[in-house]
N, C-alpha and C. Protein backbone atom coordinates (compact mmCIF):
# COMPACT_ATOMS: atom_id res chain seq x y z
N MET A 1 24.52 0.44 -8.00
CA MET A 1 25.03 0.14 -6.50
C MET A 1 23.90 -0.24 -5.70
N THR A 2 23.99 -1.29 -4.89
CA THR A 2 22.90 -1.73 -4.05
C THR A 2 23.13 -1.37 -2.59
N HIS A 3 22.18 -1.43 -2.02
CA HIS A 3 22.09 -0.90 -0.66
C HIS A 3 22.01 -2.23 0.27
N GLU A 4 23.16 -2.49 1.08
CA GLU A 4 23.05 -3.56 2.00
C GLU A 4 22.37 -3.21 3.24
N PRO A 5 21.44 -4.04 3.47
CA PRO A 5 20.74 -3.74 4.75
C PRO A 5 21.58 -4.11 6.09
N PRO A 6 21.18 -3.54 7.27
CA PRO A 6 21.93 -3.96 8.53
C PRO A 6 21.70 -5.48 8.79
N SER A 7 22.71 -5.89 9.56
CA SER A 7 22.46 -7.20 10.07
C SER A 7 21.30 -7.22 11.07
N ALA A 8 20.79 -8.45 11.48
CA ALA A 8 19.80 -8.64 12.43
C ALA A 8 20.34 -7.93 13.71
N GLU A 9 21.56 -8.38 14.08
CA GLU A 9 22.06 -7.94 15.32
C GLU A 9 22.14 -6.41 15.52
N GLN A 10 22.61 -5.65 14.31
CA GLN A 10 22.44 -4.28 14.39
C GLN A 10 21.09 -3.66 14.41
N THR A 11 20.23 -4.22 13.80
CA THR A 11 18.81 -3.76 13.85
C THR A 11 18.32 -3.99 15.14
N ILE A 12 18.39 -5.03 15.71
CA ILE A 12 18.06 -5.26 17.10
C ILE A 12 18.66 -4.35 18.05
N ALA A 13 19.85 -4.08 17.90
CA ALA A 13 20.51 -3.12 18.73
C ALA A 13 19.97 -1.78 18.81
N ASP A 14 19.89 -1.36 17.31
CA ASP A 14 19.37 -0.10 17.30
C ASP A 14 18.02 0.29 17.74
N ILE A 15 17.20 -0.52 17.54
CA ILE A 15 15.81 -0.57 18.12
C ILE A 15 15.66 -0.62 19.55
N SER A 16 16.45 -1.47 20.15
CA SER A 16 16.56 -1.50 21.61
C SER A 16 17.21 -0.37 22.15
N ASP A 17 18.19 0.32 21.60
CA ASP A 17 18.86 1.45 22.05
C ASP A 17 17.59 2.74 22.02
N ARG A 18 16.88 2.74 21.03
CA ARG A 18 15.91 3.67 20.75
C ARG A 18 14.76 3.51 21.85
N LEU A 19 14.43 2.47 22.07
CA LEU A 19 13.36 2.06 23.14
C LEU A 19 13.75 2.08 24.65
N THR A 20 14.99 1.97 24.98
CA THR A 20 15.42 1.82 26.42
C THR A 20 15.13 3.02 27.07
N PRO A 21 15.42 4.28 26.50
CA PRO A 21 14.96 5.54 27.32
C PRO A 21 13.45 5.78 27.46
N ARG A 22 12.62 5.08 26.59
CA ARG A 22 11.31 5.16 26.64
C ARG A 22 10.51 4.40 27.73
N TYR A 23 11.31 3.49 28.10
CA TYR A 23 10.72 2.37 29.09
C TYR A 23 11.95 2.31 30.27
N PRO A 24 11.97 3.38 31.00
CA PRO A 24 13.19 3.39 31.90
C PRO A 24 12.72 2.27 33.19
N ASP A 25 11.44 1.97 33.28
CA ASP A 25 11.32 0.86 34.44
C ASP A 25 11.58 -0.35 34.11
N LEU A 26 11.97 -0.63 32.91
CA LEU A 26 12.22 -2.04 32.32
C LEU A 26 13.81 -2.19 32.19
N PRO A 27 14.17 -3.36 32.62
CA PRO A 27 15.74 -3.59 32.28
C PRO A 27 16.08 -3.66 30.79
N ALA A 28 17.24 -3.02 30.33
CA ALA A 28 17.73 -3.00 29.17
C ALA A 28 17.65 -4.53 28.53
N ASP A 29 18.05 -5.47 29.32
CA ASP A 29 18.00 -6.95 28.78
C ASP A 29 16.58 -7.37 28.37
N THR A 30 15.65 -7.09 29.16
CA THR A 30 14.18 -7.28 28.88
C THR A 30 13.84 -6.68 27.53
N ILE A 31 14.23 -5.27 27.15
CA ILE A 31 13.79 -4.57 26.20
C ILE A 31 14.35 -5.36 24.92
N ARG A 32 15.70 -5.74 25.06
CA ARG A 32 16.46 -6.37 23.98
C ARG A 32 15.74 -7.82 23.76
N THR A 33 15.52 -8.48 24.76
CA THR A 33 14.84 -9.79 24.60
C THR A 33 13.45 -9.56 23.91
N VAL A 34 12.72 -8.70 24.06
CA VAL A 34 11.29 -8.48 23.51
C VAL A 34 11.66 -8.05 22.05
N VAL A 35 12.56 -7.20 21.76
CA VAL A 35 12.92 -6.73 20.42
C VAL A 35 13.28 -7.91 19.54
N SER A 36 14.29 -8.70 20.15
CA SER A 36 14.78 -9.89 19.50
C SER A 36 13.63 -10.98 19.04
N ALA A 37 12.71 -11.15 20.15
CA ALA A 37 11.58 -12.10 19.87
C ALA A 37 10.56 -11.56 18.79
N VAL A 38 10.36 -10.31 18.84
CA VAL A 38 9.53 -9.79 17.72
C VAL A 38 10.27 -9.84 16.34
N TYR A 39 11.58 -9.47 16.30
CA TYR A 39 12.21 -9.63 15.05
C TYR A 39 12.30 -10.94 14.56
N ALA A 40 12.33 -11.98 15.26
CA ALA A 40 12.37 -13.30 14.98
C ALA A 40 11.10 -13.85 14.19
N GLU A 41 9.89 -13.01 14.67
CA GLU A 41 8.72 -13.39 14.01
C GLU A 41 8.54 -12.91 12.67
N PHE A 42 9.51 -11.99 12.28
CA PHE A 42 9.45 -11.53 10.98
C PHE A 42 10.50 -11.99 10.02
N SER A 43 10.99 -13.17 10.55
CA SER A 43 12.25 -13.67 9.89
C SER A 43 11.88 -14.23 8.39
N ASP A 44 10.72 -14.57 8.22
CA ASP A 44 10.30 -15.10 7.03
C ASP A 44 9.75 -14.09 6.06
N ALA A 45 9.69 -12.71 6.37
CA ALA A 45 9.10 -11.88 5.60
C ALA A 45 9.93 -11.77 4.25
N LYS A 46 9.12 -11.67 3.31
CA LYS A 46 9.80 -11.58 1.83
C LYS A 46 10.30 -10.33 1.64
N VAL A 47 9.58 -9.36 2.01
CA VAL A 47 9.83 -7.95 1.85
C VAL A 47 10.43 -7.41 2.96
N ARG A 48 11.64 -6.97 3.05
CA ARG A 48 12.33 -6.48 4.29
C ARG A 48 12.46 -5.02 4.52
N ASP A 49 11.76 -4.37 3.56
CA ASP A 49 12.02 -2.88 3.75
C ASP A 49 11.42 -2.24 4.76
N PHE A 50 10.27 -2.78 5.52
CA PHE A 50 9.78 -2.31 6.44
C PHE A 50 9.73 -3.11 7.69
N VAL A 51 10.63 -3.92 7.94
CA VAL A 51 10.87 -4.91 8.95
C VAL A 51 11.04 -4.18 10.33
N GLU A 52 12.15 -3.18 10.30
CA GLU A 52 12.68 -2.56 11.25
C GLU A 52 11.28 -1.71 11.79
N VAL A 53 10.68 -0.99 11.12
CA VAL A 53 9.45 -0.16 11.44
C VAL A 53 8.59 -1.09 12.14
N LEU A 54 8.24 -2.27 11.60
CA LEU A 54 7.21 -3.30 12.16
C LEU A 54 7.68 -3.87 13.45
N VAL A 55 8.85 -4.10 13.42
CA VAL A 55 9.28 -4.65 14.86
C VAL A 55 9.24 -3.64 15.87
N GLU A 56 9.65 -2.58 15.58
CA GLU A 56 9.64 -1.31 16.70
C GLU A 56 8.30 -1.14 17.32
N LYS A 57 7.34 -1.12 16.16
CA LYS A 57 5.78 -0.82 16.51
C LYS A 57 5.23 -2.11 17.45
N GLN A 58 5.64 -3.13 17.09
CA GLN A 58 5.28 -4.49 17.87
C GLN A 58 5.91 -4.56 19.24
N ALA A 59 7.16 -4.21 19.31
CA ALA A 59 8.04 -4.20 20.60
C ALA A 59 7.44 -3.27 21.43
N LYS A 60 7.12 -1.92 21.00
CA LYS A 60 6.34 -1.01 21.77
C LYS A 60 5.20 -1.48 22.49
N LYS A 61 4.33 -2.24 21.72
CA LYS A 61 3.01 -2.61 22.24
C LYS A 61 3.36 -3.50 23.42
N ARG A 62 4.25 -4.64 23.16
CA ARG A 62 4.65 -5.56 24.19
C ARG A 62 5.24 -4.98 25.44
N LEU A 63 6.12 -3.93 25.21
CA LEU A 63 6.81 -3.16 26.32
C LEU A 63 5.81 -2.49 27.05
N LYS A 64 4.90 -1.87 26.47
CA LYS A 64 3.73 -1.09 27.27
C LYS A 64 2.99 -1.82 28.12
N VAL A 65 2.77 -3.27 27.71
CA VAL A 65 1.99 -4.19 28.57
C VAL A 65 2.92 -4.67 29.72
N LEU A 66 4.15 -4.86 29.46
CA LEU A 66 5.14 -5.25 30.44
C LEU A 66 5.29 -4.08 31.51
N GLN A 67 5.46 -2.94 31.04
CA GLN A 67 5.62 -1.67 31.95
C GLN A 67 4.42 -1.53 32.76
N ALA A 68 3.16 -1.74 32.26
CA ALA A 68 1.96 -1.72 33.06
C ALA A 68 2.03 -2.70 34.25
N GLN A 69 2.44 -4.05 33.93
CA GLN A 69 2.46 -4.81 34.91
C GLN A 69 3.59 -4.85 35.98
N ALA A 70 4.55 -3.90 35.63
CA ALA A 70 5.68 -3.72 36.54
C ALA A 70 5.23 -3.02 37.85
């Protein structure tokens, strides 16, 4: 029995949903855009097991910078 990974859209939505309450000063669209951009950077990753964790970590860093600028 193999485990089917979630789609890119579902992964982006899940991460965005988790991060939106953490960054209330940023529009949800901005958060989703950042998450999508970071996810795209991992599109060539051969090992997909930790992509979600890595995307969320990078997105947090970028959102923190955006929040400080707001």
